[in-house]
Amino acid sequence: TCSLIDAERCTKRYGNCRRNCYKKEKQIDICFSVR
């Protein structure tokens, strides 16, 4: 279903590591950061 990535890799994919996604965003992976 998903993989663990670091914040830098998430940013390179034009995403952001957050606790909750906004309504106009979708979850693509899980960050190494806690929750």
Full PDB file with SEQRES, HELIX, SHEET, SSBOND, CRYST1, ORIGX, SCALE, CONECT and MASTER records, all heavy atoms in Angstrom:
SEQRES   1 A   35  THR CYS SER LEU ILE ASP ALA GLU ARG CYS THR LYS ARG          
SEQRES   2 A   35  TYR GLY ASN CYS ARG ARG ASN CYS TYR LYS LYS GLU LYS          
SEQRES   3 A   35  GLN ILE ASP ILE CYS PHE SER VAL ARG                          
HELIX    1 AA1 ALA A    7  LYS A   12  1                                   6    
SHEET    1 AA1 2 LEU A   4  ILE A   5  0                                        
SHEET    2 AA1 2 ILE A  30  CYS A  31  1                                        
SSBOND   1 CYS A   17    CYS A   31                          1555   1555  2.00  
CRYST1    1.000    1.000    1.000  90.00  90.00  90.00 P 1           1          
ORIGX1      1.000000  0.000000  0.000000        0.00000                         
ORIGX2      0.000000  1.000000  0.000000        0.00000                         
ORIGX3      0.000000  0.000000  1.000000        0.00000                         
SCALE1      1.000000  0.000000  0.000000        0.00000                         
SCALE2      0.000000  1.000000  0.000000        0.00000                         
SCALE3      0.000000  0.000000  1.000000        0.00000                         
ATOM      1  N   THR A   1       0.802  -1.213   0.000  1.00  0.00           N  
ATOM      2  CA  THR A   1       0.000   0.000   0.000  1.00  0.00           C  
ATOM      3  C   THR A   1       0.837   1.266   0.000  1.00  0.00           C  
ATOM      4  O   THR A   1       0.458   2.257  -0.615  1.00  0.00           O  
ATOM      5  CB  THR A   1      -0.949   0.025   1.212  1.00  0.00           C  
ATOM      6  OG1 THR A   1      -0.178  -0.095   2.403  1.00  0.00           O  
ATOM      7  CG2 THR A   1      -1.946  -1.111   1.140  1.00  0.00           C  
ATOM      8  N   CYS A   2       1.948   1.298   0.685  1.00  0.00           N  
ATOM      9  CA  CYS A   2       2.763   2.504   0.758  1.00  0.00           C  
ATOM     10  C   CYS A   2       4.170   2.141   1.220  1.00  0.00           C  
ATOM     11  O   CYS A   2       4.435   1.015   1.600  1.00  0.00           O  
ATOM     12  CB  CYS A   2       2.157   3.531   1.702  1.00  0.00           C  
ATOM     13  SG  CYS A   2       1.889   2.906   3.349  1.00  0.00           S  
ATOM     14  N   SER A   3       5.047   3.119   1.172  1.00  0.00           N  
ATOM     15  CA  SER A   3       6.425   2.881   1.591  1.00  0.00           C  
ATOM     16  C   SER A   3       6.880   4.026   2.493  1.00  0.00           C  
ATOM     17  O   SER A   3       6.288   5.095   2.512  1.00  0.00           O  
ATOM     18  CB  SER A   3       7.336   2.775   0.371  1.00  0.00           C  
ATOM     19  OG  SER A   3       7.278   3.967  -0.378  1.00  0.00           O  
ATOM     20  N   LEU A   4       7.932   3.790   3.228  1.00  0.00           N  
ATOM     21  CA  LEU A   4       8.490   4.816   4.104  1.00  0.00           C  
ATOM     22  C   LEU A   4       9.524   5.633   3.327  1.00  0.00           C  
ATOM     23  O   LEU A   4      10.420   5.069   2.707  1.00  0.00           O  
ATOM     24  CB  LEU A   4       9.145   4.171   5.320  1.00  0.00           C  
ATOM     25  CG  LEU A   4       8.217   3.427   6.270  1.00  0.00           C  
ATOM     26  CD1 LEU A   4       9.036   2.667   7.298  1.00  0.00           C  
ATOM     27  CD2 LEU A   4       7.281   4.384   6.956  1.00  0.00           C  
ATOM     28  N   ILE A   5       9.388   6.950   3.363  1.00  0.00           N  
ATOM     29  CA  ILE A   5      10.337   7.822   2.671  1.00  0.00           C  
ATOM     30  C   ILE A   5      10.756   8.936   3.611  1.00  0.00           C  
ATOM     31  O   ILE A   5      10.074   9.236   4.590  1.00  0.00           O  
ATOM     32  CB  ILE A   5       9.746   8.406   1.373  1.00  0.00           C  
ATOM     33  CG1 ILE A   5       8.511   9.260   1.662  1.00  0.00           C  
ATOM     34  CG2 ILE A   5       9.414   7.329   0.387  1.00  0.00           C  
ATOM     35  CD1 ILE A   5       8.027  10.025   0.454  1.00  0.00           C  
ATOM     36  N   ASP A   6      11.884   9.563   3.308  1.00  0.00           N  
ATOM     37  CA  ASP A   6      12.324  10.689   4.122  1.00  0.00           C  
ATOM     38  C   ASP A   6      11.714  11.982   3.575  1.00  0.00           C  
ATOM     39  O   ASP A   6      11.155  12.009   2.487  1.00  0.00           O  
ATOM     40  CB  ASP A   6      13.844  10.763   4.189  1.00  0.00           C  
ATOM     41  CG  ASP A   6      14.497  10.916   2.829  1.00  0.00           C  
ATOM     42  OD1 ASP A   6      13.800  10.769   1.812  1.00  0.00           O  
ATOM     43  OD2 ASP A   6      15.705  11.177   2.784  1.00  0.00           O  
ATOM     44  N   ALA A   7      11.815  13.052   4.346  1.00  0.00           N  
ATOM     45  CA  ALA A   7      11.183  14.320   3.988  1.00  0.00           C  
ATOM     46  C   ALA A   7      11.760  14.901   2.701  1.00  0.00           C  
ATOM     47  O   ALA A   7      11.042  15.508   1.904  1.00  0.00           O  
ATOM     48  CB  ALA A   7      11.332  15.311   5.128  1.00  0.00           C  
ATOM     49  N   GLU A   8      13.057  14.712   2.476  1.00  0.00           N  
ATOM     50  CA  GLU A   8      13.691  15.248   1.267  1.00  0.00           C  
ATOM     51  C   GLU A   8      13.130  14.581   0.015  1.00  0.00           C  
ATOM     52  O   GLU A   8      12.854  15.236  -0.987  1.00  0.00           O  
ATOM     53  CB  GLU A   8      15.198  15.034   1.341  1.00  0.00           C  
ATOM     54  CG  GLU A   8      15.952  15.619   0.170  1.00  0.00           C  
ATOM     55  CD  GLU A   8      17.453  15.408   0.307  1.00  0.00           C  
ATOM     56  OE1 GLU A   8      17.973  15.422   1.428  1.00  0.00           O  
ATOM     57  OE2 GLU A   8      18.090  15.218  -0.744  1.00  0.00           O  
ATOM     58  N   ARG A   9      12.943  13.277   0.059  1.00  0.00           N  
ATOM     59  CA  ARG A   9      12.395  12.553  -1.093  1.00  0.00           C  
ATOM     60  C   ARG A   9      10.940  12.949  -1.334  1.00  0.00           C  
ATOM     61  O   ARG A   9      10.499  13.046  -2.469  1.00  0.00           O  
ATOM     62  CB  ARG A   9      12.510  11.061  -0.870  1.00  0.00           C  
ATOM     63  CG  ARG A   9      12.089  10.250  -2.049  1.00  0.00           C  
ATOM     64  CD  ARG A   9      12.424   8.801  -1.873  1.00  0.00           C  
ATOM     65  NE  ARG A   9      11.887   8.038  -2.976  1.00  0.00           N  
ATOM     66  CZ  ARG A   9      11.668   6.748  -2.938  1.00  0.00           C  
ATOM     67  NH1 ARG A   9      11.975   6.066  -1.855  1.00  0.00           N  
ATOM     68  NH2 ARG A   9      11.164   6.125  -3.975  1.00  0.00           N  
ATOM     69  N   CYS A  10      10.203  13.177  -0.264  1.00  0.00           N  
ATOM     70  CA  CYS A  10       8.817  13.636  -0.390  1.00  0.00           C  
ATOM     71  C   CYS A  10       8.774  14.997  -1.082  1.00  0.00           C  
ATOM     72  O   CYS A  10       7.941  15.230  -1.950  1.00  0.00           O  
ATOM     73  CB  CYS A  10       8.154  13.690   0.979  1.00  0.00           C  
ATOM     74  SG  CYS A  10       6.436  14.226   0.967  1.00  0.00           S  
ATOM     75  N   THR A  11       9.681  15.886  -0.703  1.00  0.00           N  
ATOM     76  CA  THR A  11       9.739  17.211  -1.313  1.00  0.00           C  
ATOM     77  C   THR A  11      10.127  17.133  -2.779  1.00  0.00           C  
ATOM     78  O   THR A  11       9.608  17.884  -3.605  1.00  0.00           O  
ATOM     79  CB  THR A  11      10.730  18.104  -0.542  1.00  0.00           C  
ATOM     80  OG1 THR A  11      10.366  18.105   0.834  1.00  0.00           O  
ATOM     81  CG2 THR A  11      10.722  19.513  -1.059  1.00  0.00           C  
ATOM     82  N   LYS A  12      11.025  16.210  -3.127  1.00  0.00           N  
ATOM     83  CA  LYS A  12      11.419  16.050  -4.529  1.00  0.00           C  
ATOM     84  C   LYS A  12      10.251  15.579  -5.390  1.00  0.00           C  
ATOM     85  O   LYS A  12      10.209  15.843  -6.576  1.00  0.00           O  
ATOM     86  CB  LYS A  12      12.570  15.047  -4.644  1.00  0.00           C  
ATOM     87  CG  LYS A  12      13.894  15.602  -4.200  1.00  0.00           C  
ATOM     88  CD  LYS A  12      15.001  14.586  -4.370  1.00  0.00           C  
ATOM     89  CE  LYS A  12      16.318  15.129  -3.866  1.00  0.00           C  
ATOM     90  NZ  LYS A  12      17.390  14.119  -3.949  1.00  0.00           N  
ATOM     91  N   ARG A  13       9.292  14.893  -4.758  1.00  0.00           N  
ATOM     92  CA  ARG A  13       8.092  14.450  -5.475  1.00  0.00           C  
ATOM     93  C   ARG A  13       6.993  15.507  -5.393  1.00  0.00           C  
ATOM     94  O   ARG A  13       5.832  15.225  -5.647  1.00  0.00           O  
ATOM     95  CB  ARG A  13       7.604  13.128  -4.900  1.00  0.00           C  
ATOM     96  CG  ARG A  13       8.612  12.012  -5.075  1.00  0.00           C  
ATOM     97  CD  ARG A  13       8.210  10.790  -4.334  1.00  0.00           C  
ATOM     98  NE  ARG A  13       7.265  10.008  -5.122  1.00  0.00           N  
ATOM     99  CZ  ARG A  13       6.751   8.868  -4.711  1.00  0.00           C  
ATOM    100  NH1 ARG A  13       7.079   8.380  -3.532  1.00  0.00           N  
ATOM    101  NH2 ARG A  13       5.909   8.218  -5.469  1.00  0.00           N  
ATOM    102  N   TYR A  14       7.364  16.733  -5.009  1.00  0.00           N  
ATOM    103  CA  TYR A  14       6.470  17.879  -4.891  1.00  0.00           C  
ATOM    104  C   TYR A  14       5.386  17.659  -3.832  1.00  0.00           C  
ATOM    105  O   TYR A  14       4.259  18.103  -3.982  1.00  0.00           O  
ATOM    106  CB  TYR A  14       5.829  18.223  -6.244  1.00  0.00           C  
ATOM    107  CG  TYR A  14       6.864  18.478  -7.305  1.00  0.00           C  
ATOM    108  CD1 TYR A  14       7.107  17.555  -8.305  1.00  0.00           C  
ATOM    109  CD2 TYR A  14       7.631  19.644  -7.270  1.00  0.00           C  
ATOM    110  CE1 TYR A  14       8.075  17.776  -9.259  1.00  0.00           C  
ATOM    111  CE2 TYR A  14       8.593  19.875  -8.227  1.00  0.00           C  
ATOM    112  CZ  TYR A  14       8.812  18.939  -9.223  1.00  0.00           C  
ATOM    113  OH  TYR A  14       9.765  19.164 -10.159  1.00  0.00           O  
ATOM    114  N   GLY A  15       5.758  16.996  -2.751  1.00  0.00           N  
ATOM    115  CA  GLY A  15       4.838  16.781  -1.639  1.00  0.00           C  
ATOM    116  C   GLY A  15       5.369  17.415  -0.370  1.00  0.00           C  
ATOM    117  O   GLY A  15       6.430  18.036  -0.359  1.00  0.00           O  
ATOM    118  N   ASN A  16       4.631  17.250   0.714  1.00  0.00           N  
ATOM    119  CA  ASN A  16       5.012  17.771   2.021  1.00  0.00           C  
ATOM    120  C   ASN A  16       4.682  16.735   3.082  1.00  0.00           C  
ATOM    121  O   ASN A  16       3.646  16.074   3.012  1.00  0.00           O  
ATOM    122  CB  ASN A  16       4.238  19.062   2.343  1.00  0.00           C  
ATOM    123  CG  ASN A  16       4.600  20.193   1.430  1.00  0.00           C  
ATOM    124  OD1 ASN A  16       5.776  20.481   1.258  1.00  0.00           O  
ATOM    125  ND2 ASN A  16       3.618  20.833   0.841  1.00  0.00           N  
ATOM    126  N   CYS A  17       5.574  16.596   4.076  1.00  0.00           N  
ATOM    127  CA  CYS A  17       5.313  15.703   5.202  1.00  0.00           C  
ATOM    128  C   CYS A  17       4.466  16.451   6.228  1.00  0.00           C  
ATOM    129  O   CYS A  17       4.886  17.481   6.745  1.00  0.00           O  
ATOM    130  CB  CYS A  17       6.620  15.234   5.844  1.00  0.00           C  
ATOM    131  SG  CYS A  17       7.499  14.034   4.862  1.00  0.00           S  
ATOM    132  N   ARG A  18       3.273  15.928   6.483  1.00  0.00           N  
ATOM    133  CA  ARG A  18       2.348  16.562   7.411  1.00  0.00           C  
ATOM    134  C   ARG A  18       1.658  15.511   8.263  1.00  0.00           C  
ATOM    135  O   ARG A  18       1.654  14.339   7.940  1.00  0.00           O  
ATOM    136  CB  ARG A  18       1.262  17.319   6.658  1.00  0.00           C  
ATOM    137  CG  ARG A  18       1.803  18.380   5.781  1.00  0.00           C  
ATOM    138  CD  ARG A  18       0.706  19.192   5.206  1.00  0.00           C  
ATOM    139  NE  ARG A  18       1.370  20.218   4.389  1.00  0.00           N  
ATOM    140  CZ  ARG A  18       0.829  20.841   3.409  1.00  0.00           C  
ATOM    141  NH1 ARG A  18      -0.403  20.611   3.099  1.00  0.00           N  
ATOM    142  NH2 ARG A  18       1.501  21.732   2.726  1.00  0.00           N  
ATOM    143  N   ARG A  19       1.035  15.981   9.347  1.00  0.00           N  
ATOM    144  CA  ARG A  19       0.256  15.062  10.184  1.00  0.00           C  
ATOM    145  C   ARG A  19      -1.052  14.685   9.494  1.00  0.00           C  
ATOM    146  O   ARG A  19      -1.491  13.555   9.562  1.00  0.00           O  
ATOM    147  CB  ARG A  19      -0.031  15.688  11.542  1.00  0.00           C  
ATOM    148  CG  ARG A  19       1.197  15.767  12.401  1.00  0.00           C  
ATOM    149  CD  ARG A  19       0.834  16.103  13.829  1.00  0.00           C  
ATOM    150  NE  ARG A  19       2.030  16.296  14.628  1.00  0.00           N  
ATOM    151  CZ  ARG A  19       2.612  15.340  15.311  1.00  0.00           C  
ATOM    152  NH1 ARG A  19       2.120  14.134  15.289  1.00  0.00           N  
ATOM    153  NH2 ARG A  19       3.696  15.589  16.003  1.00  0.00           N  
ATOM    154  N   ASN A  20      -1.695  15.629   8.832  1.00  0.00           N  
ATOM    155  CA  ASN A  20      -2.941  15.389   8.108  1.00  0.00           C  
ATOM    156  C   ASN A  20      -2.867  16.092   6.762  1.00  0.00           C  
ATOM    157  O   ASN A  20      -2.370  17.220   6.678  1.00  0.00           O  
ATOM    158  CB  ASN A  20      -4.150  15.936   8.880  1.00  0.00           C  
ATOM    159  CG  ASN A  20      -4.354  15.219  10.188  1.00  0.00           C  
ATOM    160  OD1 ASN A  20      -4.266  14.008  10.252  1.00  0.00           O  
ATOM    161  ND2 ASN A  20      -4.621  15.977  11.245  1.00  0.00           N  
ATOM    162  N   CYS A  21      -3.389  15.460   5.740  1.00  0.00           N  
ATOM    163  CA  CYS A  21      -3.428  16.083   4.421  1.00  0.00           C  
ATOM    164  C   CYS A  21      -4.610  17.036   4.345  1.00  0.00           C  
ATOM    165  O   CYS A  21      -5.637  16.823   4.984  1.00  0.00           O  
ATOM    166  CB  CYS A  21      -3.573  15.030   3.337  1.00  0.00           C  
ATOM    167  SG  CYS A  21      -2.153  13.936   3.174  1.00  0.00           S  
ATOM    168  N   TYR A  22      -4.451  18.098   3.550  1.00  0.00           N  
ATOM    169  CA  TYR A  22      -5.550  19.010   3.303  1.00  0.00           C  
ATOM    170  C   TYR A  22      -6.582  18.318   2.411  1.00  0.00           C  
ATOM    171  O   TYR A  22      -6.338  17.263   1.851  1.00  0.00           O  
ATOM    172  CB  TYR A  22      -5.062  20.292   2.641  1.00  0.00           C  
ATOM    173  CG  TYR A  22      -4.137  21.115   3.502  1.00  0.00           C  
ATOM    174  CD1 TYR A  22      -2.951  21.618   2.992  1.00  0.00           C  
ATOM    175  CD2 TYR A  22      -4.443  21.389   4.822  1.00  0.00           C  
ATOM    176  CE1 TYR A  22      -2.099  22.375   3.773  1.00  0.00           C  
ATOM    177  CE2 TYR A  22      -3.599  22.153   5.614  1.00  0.00           C  
ATOM    178  CZ  TYR A  22      -2.429  22.630   5.082  1.00  0.00           C  
ATOM    179  OH  TYR A  22      -1.589  23.378   5.857  1.00  0.00           O  
ATOM    180  N   LYS A  23      -7.748  18.948   2.263  1.00  0.00           N  
ATOM    181  CA  LYS A  23      -8.824  18.338   1.475  1.00  0.00           C  
ATOM    182  C   LYS A  23      -8.441  18.168   0.013  1.00  0.00           C  
ATOM    183  O   LYS A  23      -8.894  17.238  -0.642  1.00  0.00           O  
ATOM    184  CB  LYS A  23     -10.096  19.186   1.568  1.00  0.00           C  
ATOM    185  CG  LYS A  23     -10.736  19.127   2.927  1.00  0.00           C  
ATOM    186  CD  LYS A  23     -12.006  19.941   2.960  1.00  0.00           C  
ATOM    187  CE  LYS A  23     -12.638  19.876   4.342  1.00  0.00           C  
ATOM    188  NZ  LYS A  23     -13.875  20.668   4.409  1.00  0.00           N  
ATOM    189  N   LYS A  24      -7.612  19.061  -0.513  1.00  0.00           N  
ATOM    190  CA  LYS A  24      -7.220  18.991  -1.924  1.00  0.00           C  
ATOM    191  C   LYS A  24      -5.913  18.225  -2.122  1.00  0.00           C  
ATOM    192  O   LYS A  24      -5.277  18.352  -3.155  1.00  0.00           O  
ATOM    193  CB  LYS A  24      -7.088  20.391  -2.507  1.00  0.00           C  
ATOM    194  CG  LYS A  24      -8.414  21.106  -2.621  1.00  0.00           C  
ATOM    195  CD  LYS A  24      -8.267  22.393  -3.376  1.00  0.00           C  
ATOM    196  CE  LYS A  24      -9.621  23.034  -3.587  1.00  0.00           C  
ATOM    197  NZ  LYS A  24      -9.550  24.211  -4.439  1.00  0.00           N  
ATOM    198  N   GLU A  25      -5.518  17.444  -1.134  1.00  0.00           N  
ATOM    199  CA  GLU A  25      -4.291  16.655  -1.214  1.00  0.00           C  
ATOM    200  C   GLU A  25      -4.618  15.182  -1.001  1.00  0.00           C  
ATOM    201  O   GLU A  25      -5.636  14.835  -0.417  1.00  0.00           O  
ATOM    202  CB  GLU A  25      -3.283  17.093  -0.163  1.00  0.00           C  
ATOM    203  CG  GLU A  25      -2.731  18.471  -0.369  1.00  0.00           C  
ATOM    204  CD  GLU A  25      -1.738  18.854   0.702  1.00  0.00           C  
ATOM    205  OE1 GLU A  25      -1.823  18.345   1.838  1.00  0.00           O  
ATOM    206  OE2 GLU A  25      -0.863  19.672   0.394  1.00  0.00           O  
ATOM    207  N   LYS A  26      -3.732  14.327  -1.491  1.00  0.00           N  
ATOM    208  CA  LYS A  26      -3.890  12.901  -1.248  1.00  0.00           C  
ATOM    209  C   LYS A  26      -2.603  12.349  -0.642  1.00  0.00           C  
ATOM    210  O   LYS A  26      -1.518  12.881  -0.867  1.00  0.00           O  
ATOM    211  CB  LYS A  26      -4.235  12.147  -2.529  1.00  0.00           C  
ATOM    212  CG  LYS A  26      -3.115  12.084  -3.541  1.00  0.00           C  
ATOM    213  CD  LYS A  26      -3.498  11.211  -4.703  1.00  0.00           C  
ATOM    214  CE  LYS A  26      -2.304  11.014  -5.620  1.00  0.00           C  
ATOM    215  NZ  LYS A  26      -2.551  10.051  -6.663  1.00  0.00           N  
ATOM    216  N   GLN A  27      -2.746  11.288   0.124  1.00  0.00           N  
ATOM    217  CA  GLN A  27      -1.595  10.656   0.759  1.00  0.00           C  
ATOM    218  C   GLN A  27      -0.912   9.753  -0.255  1.00  0.00           C  
ATOM    219  O   GLN A  27      -1.554   8.942  -0.904  1.00  0.00           O  
ATOM    220  CB  GLN A  27      -2.051   9.827   1.952  1.00  0.00           C  
ATOM    221  CG  GLN A  27      -0.938   9.056   2.604  1.00  0.00           C  
ATOM    222  CD  GLN A  27      -1.422   8.187   3.746  1.00  0.00           C  
ATOM    223  OE1 GLN A  27      -2.535   8.335   4.214  1.00  0.00           O  
ATOM    224  NE2 GLN A  27      -0.580   7.273   4.168  1.00  0.00           N  
ATOM    225  N   ILE A  28       0.416   9.914  -0.401  1.00  0.00           N  
ATOM    226  CA  ILE A  28       1.130   9.057  -1.350  1.00  0.00           C  
ATOM    227  C   ILE A  28       2.098   8.109  -0.648  1.00  0.00           C  
ATOM    228  O   ILE A  28       2.350   7.024  -1.146  1.00  0.00           O  
ATOM    229  CB  ILE A  28       1.867   9.897  -2.422  1.00  0.00           C  
ATOM    230  CG1 ILE A  28       2.795  10.931  -1.792  1.00  0.00           C  
ATOM    231  CG2 ILE A  28       0.879  10.577  -3.328  1.00  0.00           C  
ATOM    232  CD1 ILE A  28       3.663  11.658  -2.794  1.00  0.00           C  
ATOM    233  N   ASP A  29       2.640   8.495   0.502  1.00  0.00           N  
ATOM    234  CA  ASP A  29       3.578   7.657   1.237  1.00  0.00           C  
ATOM    235  C   ASP A  29       3.570   8.041   2.711  1.00  0.00           C  
ATOM    236  O   ASP A  29       2.912   8.992   3.108  1.00  0.00           O  
ATOM    237  CB  ASP A  29       5.005   7.793   0.691  1.00  0.00           C  
ATOM    238  CG  ASP A  29       5.226   6.999  -0.576  1.00  0.00           C  
ATOM    239  OD1 ASP A  29       4.791   5.839  -0.623  1.00  0.00           O  
ATOM    240  OD2 ASP A  29       5.845   7.539  -1.505  1.00  0.00           O  
ATOM    241  N   ILE A  30       4.344   7.304   3.504  1.00  0.00           N  
ATOM    242  CA  ILE A  30       4.504   7.595   4.925  1.00  0.00           C  
ATOM    243  C   ILE A  30       5.916   8.111   5.145  1.00  0.00           C  
ATOM    244  O   ILE A  30       6.883   7.517   4.673  1.00  0.00           O  
ATOM    245  CB  ILE A  30       4.261   6.335   5.773  1.00  0.00           C  
ATOM    246  CG1 ILE A  30       2.840   5.820   5.564  1.00  0.00           C  
ATOM    247  CG2 ILE A  30       4.500   6.626   7.246  1.00  0.00           C  
ATOM    248  CD1 ILE A  30       2.561   4.507   6.249  1.00  0.00           C  
ATOM    249  N   CYS A  31       6.045   9.228   5.861  1.00  0.00           N  
ATOM    250  CA  CYS A  31       7.357   9.813   6.139  1.00  0.00           C  
ATOM    251  C   CYS A  31       8.005   9.127   7.341  1.00  0.00           C  
ATOM    252  O   CYS A  31       7.322   8.555   8.187  1.00  0.00           O  
ATOM    253  CB  CYS A  31       7.216  11.305   6.424  1.00  0.00           C  
ATOM    254  SG  CYS A  31       6.621  12.244   5.011  1.00  0.00           S  
ATOM    255  N   PHE A  32       9.346   9.197   7.408  1.00  0.00           N  
ATOM    256  CA  PHE A  32      10.079   8.651   8.544  1.00  0.00           C  
ATOM    257  C   PHE A  32       9.756   9.390   9.832  1.00  0.00           C  
ATOM    258  O   PHE A  32       9.860   8.852  10.909  1.00  0.00           O  
ATOM    259  CB  PHE A  32      11.586   8.727   8.304  1.00  0.00           C  
ATOM    260  CG  PHE A  32      12.103   7.660   7.383  1.00  0.00           C  
ATOM    261  CD1 PHE A  32      12.918   7.995   6.321  1.00  0.00           C  
ATOM    262  CD2 PHE A  32      11.797   6.338   7.576  1.00  0.00           C  
ATOM    263  CE1 PHE A  32      13.415   7.023   5.481  1.00  0.00           C  
ATOM    264  CE2 PHE A  32      12.273   5.363   6.746  1.00  0.00           C  
ATOM    265  CZ  PHE A  32      13.087   5.704   5.688  1.00  0.00           C  
ATOM    266  N   SER A  33       9.366  10.669   9.726  1.00  0.00           N  
ATOM    267  CA  SER A  33       9.037  11.458  10.911  1.00  0.00           C  
ATOM    268  C   SER A  33       7.866  10.819  11.648  1.00  0.00           C  
ATOM    269  O   SER A  33       7.013  10.181  11.055  1.00  0.00           O  
ATOM    270  CB  SER A  33       8.660  12.878  10.505  1.00  0.00           C  
ATOM    271  OG  SER A  33       9.707  13.467   9.778  1.00  0.00           O  
ATOM    272  N   VAL A  34       7.821  11.047  12.937  1.00  0.00           N  
ATOM    273  CA  VAL A  34       6.787  10.436  13.758  1.00  0.00           C  
ATOM    274  C   VAL A  34       5.400  10.933  13.354  1.00  0.00           C  
ATOM    275  O   VAL A  34       5.162  12.137  13.329  1.00  0.00           O  
ATOM    276  CB  VAL A  34       7.056  10.744  15.242  1.00  0.00           C  
ATOM    277  CG1 VAL A  34       5.972  10.160  16.112  1.00  0.00           C  
ATOM    278  CG2 VAL A  34       8.420  10.215  15.643  1.00  0.00           C  
ATOM    279  N   ARG A  35       4.514  10.024  13.002  1.00  0.00           N  
ATOM    280  CA  ARG A  35       3.112  10.296  12.679  1.00  0.00           C  
ATOM    281  C   ARG A  35       2.938  11.311  11.567  1.00  0.00           C  
ATOM    282  O   ARG A  35       2.042  12.155  11.616  1.00  0.00           O  
ATOM    283  CB  ARG A  35       2.352  10.763  13.914  1.00  0.00           C  
ATOM    284  CG  ARG A  35       2.261   9.735  14.984  1.00  0.00           C  
ATOM    285  CD  ARG A  35       1.456  10.257  16.125  1.00  0.00           C  
ATOM    286  NE  ARG A  35       1.443   9.305  17.222  1.00  0.00           N  
ATOM    287  CZ  ARG A  35       0.941   9.540  18.407  1.00  0.00           C  
ATOM    288  NH1 ARG A  35       0.416  10.693  18.663  1.00  0.00           N  
ATOM    289  NH2 ARG A  35       0.973   8.621  19.343  1.00  0.00           N  
TER     290      ARG A  35                                                      
CONECT  131  254                                                                
CONECT  254  131                                                                
MASTER        0    0    0    1    2    0    0    6  289    1    2    3          
END                                                                             
